[in-house]
């Protein structure tokens, strides 16, 4: 029989992580600004990687019911960081690339999927 108190803690943890990802979406969206720099891009990638690291660490203490959701969400965050790393070098160039918008939209999608995965707990 599953431990209800463990499930409640895990659910609260998942929802807390999802709620705290709203700032990641906003920070990522900020990279669409034609004045965004490589420093801005590296900062956002760092934020996403920090959240990934925290979620991965928390996942280890979760019960089976929520461990998979946390793992999937962590993978989605990792994908968002990976996509953004690919365009950081383009930020701040004199000619703005539509690839940046596409990559940022993709990263936002991954972050939103991670949030949805965790909220569905």
Foldseek 3Di string as FASTA:
>chain_A
DDDVVLVVVLLVVLLVLLVVCVVLLVLLVVLVPLQDALVSLVVSLVVLVVSLVVLLVVLVVHDPVRSVLSVQLSVLSVVLSVLSVVCSVVRPDPDHDVSSVVSSVSSSVSSVVNSVSSNVD
